Amino acid sequence: MLSEMIFYTRPACHLCESALPHARRAAKFLGRRLQIINIDSDDDLVVEYGLRVPVLTTSGGELIAEGSFGMREIVRGLIGRR
Protein backbone atom coordinates (compact mmCIF):
# COMPACT_ATOMS: atom_id res chain seq x y z
CA MET A 1 0.00 0.00 0.00
CA LEU A 2 1.19 3.49 -0.82
CA SER A 3 2.01 5.16 2.49
CA GLU A 4 4.13 8.08 1.36
CA MET A 5 5.13 9.82 -1.82
CA ILE A 6 8.52 11.49 -2.24
CA PHE A 7 8.99 14.60 -4.35
CA TYR A 8 12.61 15.19 -5.40
CA THR A 9 13.36 18.81 -6.27
CA ARG A 10 16.07 21.46 -6.28
CA PRO A 11 16.11 25.25 -5.89
CA ALA A 12 15.30 27.44 -8.91
CA CYS A 13 13.67 24.56 -10.79
CA HIS A 14 10.69 25.93 -12.69
CA LEU A 15 9.38 22.45 -13.54
CA CYS A 16 9.53 21.57 -9.83
CA GLU A 17 7.55 24.69 -8.95
CA SER A 18 4.90 23.71 -11.50
CA ALA A 19 4.67 20.05 -10.47
CA LEU A 20 4.69 20.46 -6.68
CA PRO A 21 1.07 21.67 -6.35
CA HIS A 22 -0.08 18.60 -8.33
CA ALA A 23 1.95 16.28 -6.11
CA ARG A 24 0.50 17.94 -3.00
CA ARG A 25 -3.04 17.64 -4.34
CA ALA A 26 -2.54 13.95 -5.20
CA ALA A 27 -1.09 13.19 -1.76
CA LYS A 28 -3.97 14.96 -0.05
CA PHE A 29 -6.55 13.18 -2.19
CA LEU A 30 -4.95 9.80 -1.43
CA GLY A 31 -4.53 10.61 2.26
CA ARG A 32 -0.78 10.15 2.04
CA ARG A 33 2.19 12.08 3.35
CA LEU A 34 4.31 13.95 0.79
CA GLN A 35 7.99 14.19 1.62
CA ILE A 36 9.87 16.91 -0.25
CA ILE A 37 13.60 16.35 -0.71
CA ASN A 38 16.11 18.83 -2.12
CA ILE A 39 18.50 16.66 -4.13
CA ASP A 40 21.27 19.24 -3.74
CA SER A 41 21.53 18.25 -0.06
CA ASP A 42 22.94 14.82 -0.98
CA ASP A 43 25.61 14.08 -3.61
CA ASP A 44 24.16 10.62 -4.26
CA LEU A 45 20.75 12.12 -5.03
CA VAL A 46 22.34 14.62 -7.41
CA VAL A 47 23.98 11.74 -9.27
CA GLU A 48 20.75 9.70 -9.31
CA TYR A 49 18.27 12.44 -10.22
CA GLY A 50 20.39 15.29 -11.61
CA LEU A 51 18.52 16.94 -14.45
CA ARG A 52 15.51 14.59 -14.11
CA VAL A 53 13.85 16.66 -11.36
CA PRO A 54 11.12 16.94 -10.46
CA VAL A 55 10.74 13.25 -9.68
CA LEU A 56 7.83 11.75 -7.74
CA THR A 57 8.24 8.25 -6.31
CA THR A 58 6.62 5.95 -3.81
CA SER A 59 8.35 5.49 -0.47
CA GLY A 60 9.67 2.22 -1.93
CA GLY A 61 11.40 4.09 -4.75
CA GLU A 62 8.98 3.21 -7.55
CA LEU A 63 8.71 5.98 -10.12
CA ILE A 64 5.33 7.73 -10.35
CA ALA A 65 6.25 10.70 -12.56
CA GLU A 66 9.21 12.84 -13.58
CA GLY A 67 9.99 15.98 -15.52
CA SER A 68 7.02 18.06 -16.56
CA PHE A 69 3.95 16.43 -14.98
CA GLY A 70 0.51 17.17 -13.64
CA MET A 71 -2.35 15.19 -12.15
CA ARG A 72 -2.87 13.12 -15.32
CA GLU A 73 0.70 11.82 -15.26
CA ILE A 74 0.56 11.13 -11.52
CA VAL A 75 -2.63 9.08 -11.94
CA ARG A 76 -1.10 7.20 -14.88
CA GLY A 77 2.03 6.50 -12.83
CA LEU A 78 -0.01 5.19 -9.92
CA ILE A 79 -2.28 3.04 -12.09
CA GLY A 80 0.73 1.62 -13.92
CA ARG A 81 2.10 0.31 -10.62
CA ARG A 82 -0.82 -2.08 -10.09
C-alpha atoms as a PDB file:
ATOM      1  CA  MET A   1       0.000   0.000   0.000  1.00  0.00           C
ATOM      2  CA  LEU A   2       1.195   3.494  -0.822  1.00  0.00           C
ATOM      3  CA  SER A   3       2.012   5.163   2.494  1.00  0.00           C
ATOM      4  CA  GLU A   4       4.127   8.075   1.357  1.00  0.00           C
ATOM      5  CA  MET A   5       5.135   9.817  -1.820  1.00  0.00           C
ATOM      6  CA  ILE A   6       8.517  11.491  -2.240  1.00  0.00           C
ATOM      7  CA  PHE A   7       8.995  14.603  -4.355  1.00  0.00           C
ATOM      8  CA  TYR A   8      12.615  15.194  -5.396  1.00  0.00           C
ATOM      9  CA  THR A   9      13.362  18.809  -6.265  1.00  0.00           C
ATOM     10  CA  ARG A  10      16.072  21.458  -6.281  1.00  0.00           C
ATOM     11  CA  PRO A  11      16.110  25.248  -5.886  1.00  0.00           C
ATOM     12  CA  ALA A  12      15.303  27.440  -8.911  1.00  0.00           C
ATOM     13  CA  CYS A  13      13.674  24.555 -10.789  1.00  0.00           C
ATOM     14  CA  HIS A  14      10.686  25.932 -12.686  1.00  0.00           C
ATOM     15  CA  LEU A  15       9.377  22.451 -13.543  1.00  0.00           C
ATOM     16  CA  CYS A  16       9.527  21.571  -9.828  1.00  0.00           C
ATOM     17  CA  GLU A  17       7.549  24.685  -8.946  1.00  0.00           C
ATOM     18  CA  SER A  18       4.901  23.712 -11.502  1.00  0.00           C
ATOM     19  CA  ALA A  19       4.670  20.050 -10.471  1.00  0.00           C
ATOM     20  CA  LEU A  20       4.693  20.460  -6.684  1.00  0.00           C
ATOM     21  CA  PRO A  21       1.068  21.666  -6.349  1.00  0.00           C
ATOM     22  CA  HIS A  22      -0.079  18.598  -8.330  1.00  0.00           C
ATOM     23  CA  ALA A  23       1.953  16.276  -6.107  1.00  0.00           C
ATOM     24  CA  ARG A  24       0.500  17.944  -3.000  1.00  0.00           C
ATOM     25  CA  ARG A  25      -3.043  17.635  -4.342  1.00  0.00           C
ATOM     26  CA  ALA A  26      -2.535  13.953  -5.199  1.00  0.00           C
ATOM     27  CA  ALA A  27      -1.092  13.190  -1.763  1.00  0.00           C
ATOM     28  CA  LYS A  28      -3.967  14.964  -0.046  1.00  0.00           C
ATOM     29  CA  PHE A  29      -6.554  13.176  -2.194  1.00  0.00           C
ATOM     30  CA  LEU A  30      -4.945   9.800  -1.426  1.00  0.00           C
ATOM     31  CA  GLY A  31      -4.528  10.613   2.261  1.00  0.00           C
ATOM     32  CA  ARG A  32      -0.779  10.152   2.040  1.00  0.00           C
ATOM     33  CA  ARG A  33       2.188  12.079   3.347  1.00  0.00           C
ATOM     34  CA  LEU A  34       4.307  13.947   0.785  1.00  0.00           C
ATOM     35  CA  GLN A  35       7.988  14.187   1.624  1.00  0.00           C
ATOM     36  CA  ILE A  36       9.868  16.907  -0.255  1.00  0.00           C
ATOM     37  CA  ILE A  37      13.598  16.351  -0.714  1.00  0.00           C
ATOM     38  CA  ASN A  38      16.109  18.832  -2.122  1.00  0.00           C
ATOM     39  CA  ILE A  39      18.503  16.655  -4.127  1.00  0.00           C
ATOM     40  CA  ASP A  40      21.272  19.240  -3.744  1.00  0.00           C
ATOM     41  CA  SER A  41      21.528  18.252  -0.064  1.00  0.00           C
ATOM     42  CA  ASP A  42      22.943  14.821  -0.978  1.00  0.00           C
ATOM     43  CA  ASP A  43      25.606  14.085  -3.608  1.00  0.00           C
ATOM     44  CA  ASP A  44      24.162  10.615  -4.261  1.00  0.00           C
ATOM     45  CA  LEU A  45      20.747  12.118  -5.030  1.00  0.00           C
ATOM     46  CA  VAL A  46      22.340  14.625  -7.414  1.00  0.00           C
ATOM     47  CA  VAL A  47      23.984  11.737  -9.269  1.00  0.00           C
ATOM     48  CA  GLU A  48      20.754   9.702  -9.313  1.00  0.00           C
ATOM     49  CA  TYR A  49      18.266  12.444 -10.222  1.00  0.00           C
ATOM     50  CA  GLY A  50      20.391  15.291 -11.606  1.00  0.00           C
ATOM     51  CA  LEU A  51      18.523  16.943 -14.452  1.00  0.00           C
ATOM     52  CA  ARG A  52      15.508  14.593 -14.107  1.00  0.00           C
ATOM     53  CA  VAL A  53      13.845  16.655 -11.365  1.00  0.00           C
ATOM     54  CA  PRO A  54      11.118  16.939 -10.459  1.00  0.00           C
ATOM     55  CA  VAL A  55      10.738  13.248  -9.681  1.00  0.00           C
ATOM     56  CA  LEU A  56       7.827  11.752  -7.743  1.00  0.00           C
ATOM     57  CA  THR A  57       8.237   8.247  -6.312  1.00  0.00           C
ATOM     58  CA  THR A  58       6.620   5.950  -3.811  1.00  0.00           C
ATOM     59  CA  SER A  59       8.350   5.489  -0.468  1.00  0.00           C
ATOM     60  CA  GLY A  60       9.666   2.221  -1.933  1.00  0.00           C
ATOM     61  CA  GLY A  61      11.401   4.094  -4.751  1.00  0.00           C
ATOM     62  CA  GLU A  62       8.983   3.205  -7.553  1.00  0.00           C
ATOM     63  CA  LEU A  63       8.708   5.985 -10.125  1.00  0.00           C
ATOM     64  CA  ILE A  64       5.328   7.726 -10.353  1.00  0.00           C
ATOM     65  CA  ALA A  65       6.251  10.696 -12.559  1.00  0.00           C
ATOM     66  CA  GLU A  66       9.208  12.841 -13.576  1.00  0.00           C
ATOM     67  CA  GLY A  67       9.994  15.985 -15.518  1.00  0.00           C
ATOM     68  CA  SER A  68       7.017  18.061 -16.556  1.00  0.00           C
ATOM     69  CA  PHE A  69       3.949  16.430 -14.982  1.00  0.00           C
ATOM     70  CA  GLY A  70       0.510  17.166 -13.638  1.00  0.00           C
ATOM     71  CA  MET A  71      -2.350  15.191 -12.152  1.00  0.00           C
ATOM     72  CA  ARG A  72      -2.875  13.123 -15.321  1.00  0.00           C
ATOM     73  CA  GLU A  73       0.704  11.817 -15.265  1.00  0.00           C
ATOM     74  CA  ILE A  74       0.560  11.133 -11.516  1.00  0.00           C
ATOM     75  CA  VAL A  75      -2.626   9.081 -11.937  1.00  0.00           C
ATOM     76  CA  ARG A  76      -1.096   7.203 -14.881  1.00  0.00           C
ATOM     77  CA  GLY A  77       2.025   6.501 -12.829  1.00  0.00           C
ATOM     78  CA  LEU A  78      -0.014   5.188  -9.919  1.00  0.00           C
ATOM     79  CA  ILE A  79      -2.282   3.038 -12.091  1.00  0.00           C
ATOM     80  CA  GLY A  80       0.731   1.622 -13.919  1.00  0.00           C
ATOM     81  CA  ARG A  81       2.096   0.313 -10.616  1.00  0.00           C
ATOM     82  CA  ARG A  82      -0.822  -2.075 -10.088  1.00  0.00           C
END
